[in-house]
Amino acid sequence: MLKFIKHHMDTIIGIEIYPIISLSIFFLFFVLLLVWVFSYSKEAINELGEIPLKEDN
């Protein structure tokens, strides 16, 4: 089964760019997520952390 798939993948011109693009998108997403997490304000994090403790009816 793997030989069947590998043979078809080898015959497609330019297929080697797709793993590079997918790895780049994956890496970029997590780098941007990391930047967003570290740039989020401490006041907003504390406010969101206190939501379950508030007794608003």
PDB file of N, CA and C in Angstrom:
ATOM      1  N   MET A   1       0.827  -1.198   0.000  1.00  0.00           N
ATOM      2  CA  MET A   1       0.000   0.000   0.000  1.00  0.00           C
ATOM      3  C   MET A   1       0.871   1.261   0.000  1.00  0.00           C
ATOM      4  N   LEU A   2       1.925   1.249   0.802  1.00  0.00           N
ATOM      5  CA  LEU A   2       2.790   2.423   0.887  1.00  0.00           C
ATOM      6  C   LEU A   2       3.532   2.660  -0.424  1.00  0.00           C
ATOM      7  N   LYS A   3       3.921   1.580  -1.104  1.00  0.00           N
ATOM      8  CA  LYS A   3       4.594   1.733  -2.390  1.00  0.00           C
ATOM      9  C   LYS A   3       3.674   2.371  -3.419  1.00  0.00           C
ATOM     10  N   PHE A   4       2.399   2.034  -3.348  1.00  0.00           N
ATOM     11  CA  PHE A   4       1.407   2.607  -4.261  1.00  0.00           C
ATOM     12  C   PHE A   4       1.291   4.115  -4.048  1.00  0.00           C
ATOM     13  N   ILE A   5       1.210   4.522  -2.798  1.00  0.00           N
ATOM     14  CA  ILE A   5       1.085   5.948  -2.475  1.00  0.00           C
ATOM     15  C   ILE A   5       2.391   6.675  -2.807  1.00  0.00           C
ATOM     16  N   LYS A   6       3.524   6.068  -2.451  1.00  0.00           N
ATOM     17  CA  LYS A   6       4.814   6.718  -2.687  1.00  0.00           C
ATOM     18  C   LYS A   6       5.076   6.912  -4.177  1.00  0.00           C
ATOM     19  N   HIS A   7       4.685   5.957  -4.973  1.00  0.00           N
ATOM     20  CA  HIS A   7       4.888   6.077  -6.414  1.00  0.00           C
ATOM     21  C   HIS A   7       4.089   7.258  -6.978  1.00  0.00           C
ATOM     22  N   HIS A   8       2.847   7.415  -6.531  1.00  0.00           N
ATOM     23  CA  HIS A   8       2.043   8.531  -7.020  1.00  0.00           C
ATOM     24  C   HIS A   8       2.562   9.867  -6.510  1.00  0.00           C
ATOM     25  N   MET A   9       3.065   9.892  -5.290  1.00  0.00           N
ATOM     26  CA  MET A   9       3.628  11.129  -4.754  1.00  0.00           C
ATOM     27  C   MET A   9       4.900  11.527  -5.504  1.00  0.00           C
ATOM     28  N   ASP A  10       5.679  10.553  -5.925  1.00  0.00           N
ATOM     29  CA  ASP A  10       6.913  10.857  -6.670  1.00  0.00           C
ATOM     30  C   ASP A  10       6.632  11.408  -8.057  1.00  0.00           C
ATOM     31  N   THR A  11       5.487  11.075  -8.617  1.00  0.00           N
ATOM     32  CA  THR A  11       5.181  11.525  -9.970  1.00  0.00           C
ATOM     33  C   THR A  11       4.582  12.928 -10.024  1.00  0.00           C
ATOM     34  N   ILE A  12       4.200  13.475  -8.872  1.00  0.00           N
ATOM     35  CA  ILE A  12       3.618  14.821  -8.842  1.00  0.00           C
ATOM     36  C   ILE A  12       4.746  15.841  -8.801  1.00  0.00           C
ATOM     37  N   ILE A  13       4.740  16.743  -9.736  1.00  0.00           N
ATOM     38  CA  ILE A  13       5.791  17.759  -9.828  1.00  0.00           C
ATOM     39  C   ILE A  13       5.530  18.843  -8.787  1.00  0.00           C
ATOM     40  N   GLY A  14       6.555  19.179  -8.022  1.00  0.00           N
ATOM     41  CA  GLY A  14       6.456  20.259  -7.049  1.00  0.00           C
ATOM     42  C   GLY A  14       5.832  19.860  -5.728  1.00  0.00           C
ATOM     43  N   ILE A  15       5.681  18.579  -5.447  1.00  0.00           N
ATOM     44  CA  ILE A  15       5.026  18.151  -4.211  1.00  0.00           C
ATOM     45  C   ILE A  15       5.904  18.380  -2.986  1.00  0.00           C
ATOM     46  N   GLU A  16       7.201  18.538  -3.172  1.00  0.00           N
ATOM     47  CA  GLU A  16       8.093  18.686  -2.020  1.00  0.00           C
ATOM     48  C   GLU A  16       7.893  20.001  -1.287  1.00  0.00           C
ATOM     49  N   ILE A  17       7.176  20.949  -1.854  1.00  0.00           N
ATOM     50  CA  ILE A  17       6.944  22.236  -1.197  1.00  0.00           C
ATOM     51  C   ILE A  17       5.845  22.160  -0.138  1.00  0.00           C
ATOM     52  N   TYR A  18       4.926  21.216  -0.255  1.00  0.00           N
ATOM     53  CA  TYR A  18       3.798  21.130   0.672  1.00  0.00           C
ATOM     54  C   TYR A  18       4.202  20.820   2.111  1.00  0.00           C
ATOM     55  N   PRO A  19       5.127  19.893   2.370  1.00  0.00           N
ATOM     56  CA  PRO A  19       5.547  19.713   3.768  1.00  0.00           C
ATOM     57  C   PRO A  19       6.241  20.944   4.343  1.00  0.00           C
ATOM     58  N   ILE A  20       6.967  21.667   3.524  1.00  0.00           N
ATOM     59  CA  ILE A  20       7.638  22.878   3.989  1.00  0.00           C
ATOM     60  C   ILE A  20       6.616  23.944   4.345  1.00  0.00           C
ATOM     61  N   ILE A  21       5.607  24.102   3.519  1.00  0.00           N
ATOM     62  CA  ILE A  21       4.551  25.087   3.782  1.00  0.00           C
ATOM     63  C   ILE A  21       3.777  24.720   5.043  1.00  0.00           C
ATOM     64  N   SER A  22       3.425  23.449   5.202  1.00  0.00           N
ATOM     65  CA  SER A  22       2.645  23.048   6.374  1.00  0.00           C
ATOM     66  C   SER A  22       3.457  23.206   7.659  1.00  0.00           C
ATOM     67  N   LEU A  23       4.746  22.891   7.633  1.00  0.00           N
ATOM     68  CA  LEU A  23       5.592  23.091   8.806  1.00  0.00           C
ATOM     69  C   LEU A  23       5.728  24.578   9.127  1.00  0.00           C
ATOM     70  N   SER A  24       5.845  25.400   8.103  1.00  0.00           N
ATOM     71  CA  SER A  24       5.949  26.848   8.321  1.00  0.00           C
ATOM     72  C   SER A  24       4.687  27.414   8.941  1.00  0.00           C
ATOM     73  N   ILE A  25       3.533  26.995   8.461  1.00  0.00           N
ATOM     74  CA  ILE A  25       2.256  27.463   9.025  1.00  0.00           C
ATOM     75  C   ILE A  25       2.120  27.004  10.469  1.00  0.00           C
ATOM     76  N   PHE A  26       2.450  25.752  10.746  1.00  0.00           N
ATOM     77  CA  PHE A  26       2.391  25.207  12.103  1.00  0.00           C
ATOM     78  C   PHE A  26       3.304  25.990  13.042  1.00  0.00           C
ATOM     79  N   PHE A  27       4.548  26.217  12.630  1.00  0.00           N
ATOM     80  CA  PHE A  27       5.516  26.943  13.448  1.00  0.00           C
ATOM     81  C   PHE A  27       5.084  28.385  13.667  1.00  0.00           C
ATOM     82  N   LEU A  28       4.621  29.042  12.612  1.00  0.00           N
ATOM     83  CA  LEU A  28       4.188  30.430  12.710  1.00  0.00           C
ATOM     84  C   LEU A  28       2.993  30.583  13.644  1.00  0.00           C
ATOM     85  N   PHE A  29       2.041  29.655  13.579  1.00  0.00           N
ATOM     86  CA  PHE A  29       0.872  29.707  14.450  1.00  0.00           C
ATOM     87  C   PHE A  29       1.283  29.654  15.915  1.00  0.00           C
ATOM     88  N   PHE A  30       2.162  28.721  16.274  1.00  0.00           N
ATOM     89  CA  PHE A  30       2.545  28.595  17.673  1.00  0.00           C
ATOM     90  C   PHE A  30       3.466  29.719  18.132  1.00  0.00           C
ATOM     91  N   VAL A  31       4.258  30.277  17.271  1.00  0.00           N
ATOM     92  CA  VAL A  31       5.073  31.437  17.641  1.00  0.00           C
ATOM     93  C   VAL A  31       4.166  32.640  17.905  1.00  0.00           C
ATOM     94  N   LEU A  32       3.188  32.859  17.042  1.00  0.00           N
ATOM     95  CA  LEU A  32       2.248  33.972  17.251  1.00  0.00           C
ATOM     96  C   LEU A  32       1.417  33.753  18.516  1.00  0.00           C
ATOM     97  N   LEU A  33       1.020  32.527  18.779  1.00  0.00           N
ATOM     98  CA  LEU A  33       0.277  32.226  20.002  1.00  0.00           C
ATOM     99  C   LEU A  33       1.140  32.489  21.231  1.00  0.00           C
ATOM    100  N   LEU A  34       2.402  32.134  21.173  1.00  0.00           N
ATOM    101  CA  LEU A  34       3.319  32.381  22.279  1.00  0.00           C
ATOM    102  C   LEU A  34       3.514  33.876  22.506  1.00  0.00           C
ATOM    103  N   VAL A  35       3.647  34.638  21.445  1.00  0.00           N
ATOM    104  CA  VAL A  35       3.786  36.096  21.565  1.00  0.00           C
ATOM    105  C   VAL A  35       2.527  36.697  22.167  1.00  0.00           C
ATOM    106  N   TRP A  36       1.359  36.222  21.742  1.00  0.00           N
ATOM    107  CA  TRP A  36       0.096  36.745  22.272  1.00  0.00           C
ATOM    108  C   TRP A  36      -0.045  36.437  23.754  1.00  0.00           C
ATOM    109  N   VAL A  37       0.334  35.234  24.163  1.00  0.00           N
ATOM    110  CA  VAL A  37       0.211  34.854  25.568  1.00  0.00           C
ATOM    111  C   VAL A  37       1.128  35.699  26.445  1.00  0.00           C
ATOM    112  N   PHE A  38       2.357  35.917  26.015  1.00  0.00           N
ATOM    113  CA  PHE A  38       3.277  36.687  26.838  1.00  0.00           C
ATOM    114  C   PHE A  38       3.014  38.193  26.787  1.00  0.00           C
ATOM    115  N   SER A  39       2.274  38.654  25.809  1.00  0.00           N
ATOM    116  CA  SER A  39       1.980  40.082  25.745  1.00  0.00           C
ATOM    117  C   SER A  39       0.625  40.427  26.367  1.00  0.00           C
ATOM    118  N   TYR A  40      -0.128  39.430  26.781  1.00  0.00           N
ATOM    119  CA  TYR A  40      -1.440  39.663  27.405  1.00  0.00           C
ATOM    120  C   TYR A  40      -1.224  40.313  28.762  1.00  0.00           C
ATOM    121  N   SER A  41      -2.044  41.280  29.111  1.00  0.00           N
ATOM    122  CA  SER A  41      -1.828  42.037  30.342  1.00  0.00           C
ATOM    123  C   SER A  41      -2.172  41.208  31.582  1.00  0.00           C
ATOM    124  N   LYS A  42      -1.433  41.458  32.632  1.00  0.00           N
ATOM    125  CA  LYS A  42      -1.637  40.729  33.900  1.00  0.00           C
ATOM    126  C   LYS A  42      -2.992  41.072  34.523  1.00  0.00           C
ATOM    127  N   GLU A  43      -3.446  42.318  34.328  1.00  0.00           N
ATOM    128  CA  GLU A  43      -4.738  42.713  34.884  1.00  0.00           C
ATOM    129  C   GLU A  43      -5.875  41.919  34.242  1.00  0.00           C
ATOM    130  N   ALA A  44      -5.798  41.733  32.958  1.00  0.00           N
ATOM    131  CA  ALA A  44      -6.836  40.962  32.265  1.00  0.00           C
ATOM    132  C   ALA A  44      -6.816  39.498  32.699  1.00  0.00           C
ATOM    133  N   ILE A  45      -5.636  38.948  32.908  1.00  0.00           N
ATOM    134  CA  ILE A  45      -5.530  37.561  33.370  1.00  0.00           C
ATOM    135  C   ILE A  45      -6.111  37.421  34.767  1.00  0.00           C
ATOM    136  N   ASN A  46      -5.818  38.372  35.643  1.00  0.00           N
ATOM    137  CA  ASN A  46      -6.375  38.330  36.999  1.00  0.00           C
ATOM    138  C   ASN A  46      -7.883  38.490  36.976  1.00  0.00           C
ATOM    139  N   GLU A  47      -8.388  39.366  36.119  1.00  0.00           N
ATOM    140  CA  GLU A  47      -9.835  39.568  36.018  1.00  0.00           C
ATOM    141  C   GLU A  47     -10.530  38.295  35.523  1.00  0.00           C
ATOM    142  N   LEU A  48      -9.955  37.643  34.535  1.00  0.00           N
ATOM    143  CA  LEU A  48     -10.536  36.401  34.040  1.00  0.00           C
ATOM    144  C   LEU A  48     -10.422  35.279  35.072  1.00  0.00           C
ATOM    145  N   GLY A  49      -9.365  35.300  35.884  1.00  0.00           N
ATOM    146  CA  GLY A  49      -9.189  34.292  36.917  1.00  0.00           C
ATOM    147  C   GLY A  49     -10.160  34.438  38.062  1.00  0.00           C
ATOM    148  N   GLU A  50     -10.682  35.652  38.278  1.00  0.00           N
ATOM    149  CA  GLU A  50     -11.616  35.893  39.373  1.00  0.00           C
ATOM    150  C   GLU A  50     -13.070  35.678  38.975  1.00  0.00           C
ATOM    151  N   ILE A  51     -13.354  35.430  37.730  1.00  0.00           N
ATOM    152  CA  ILE A  51     -14.737  35.231  37.278  1.00  0.00           C
ATOM    153  C   ILE A  51     -15.433  34.085  38.012  1.00  0.00           C
ATOM    154  N   PRO A  52     -14.805  32.916  38.188  1.00  0.00           N
ATOM    155  CA  PRO A  52     -15.517  31.833  38.885  1.00  0.00           C
ATOM    156  C   PRO A  52     -15.778  32.122  40.366  1.00  0.00           C
ATOM    157  N   LEU A  53     -15.048  33.057  40.959  1.00  0.00           N
ATOM    158  CA  LEU A  53     -15.185  33.349  42.378  1.00  0.00           C
ATOM    159  C   LEU A  53     -16.222  34.411  42.662  1.00  0.00           C
ATOM    160  N   LYS A  54     -16.671  35.139  41.655  1.00  0.00           N
ATOM    161  CA  LYS A  54     -17.658  36.192  41.849  1.00  0.00           C
ATOM    162  C   LYS A  54     -19.031  35.579  42.085  1.00  0.00           C
ATOM    163  N   GLU A  55     -19.798  36.211  42.977  1.00  0.00           N
ATOM    164  CA  GLU A  55     -21.124  35.701  43.319  1.00  0.00           C
ATOM    165  C   GLU A  55     -22.206  36.632  42.772  1.00  0.00           C
ATOM    166  N   ASP A  56     -22.236  36.830  41.467  1.00  0.00           N
ATOM    167  CA  ASP A  56     -23.268  37.642  40.836  1.00  0.00           C
ATOM    168  C   ASP A  56     -24.431  36.738  40.441  1.00  0.00           C
ATOM    169  N   ASN A  57     -25.621  37.113  40.874  1.00  0.00           N
ATOM    170  CA  ASN A  57     -26.807  36.316  40.528  1.00  0.00           C
ATOM    171  C   ASN A  57     -27.601  36.986  39.468  1.00  0.00           C
TER     172      ASN A  57
END
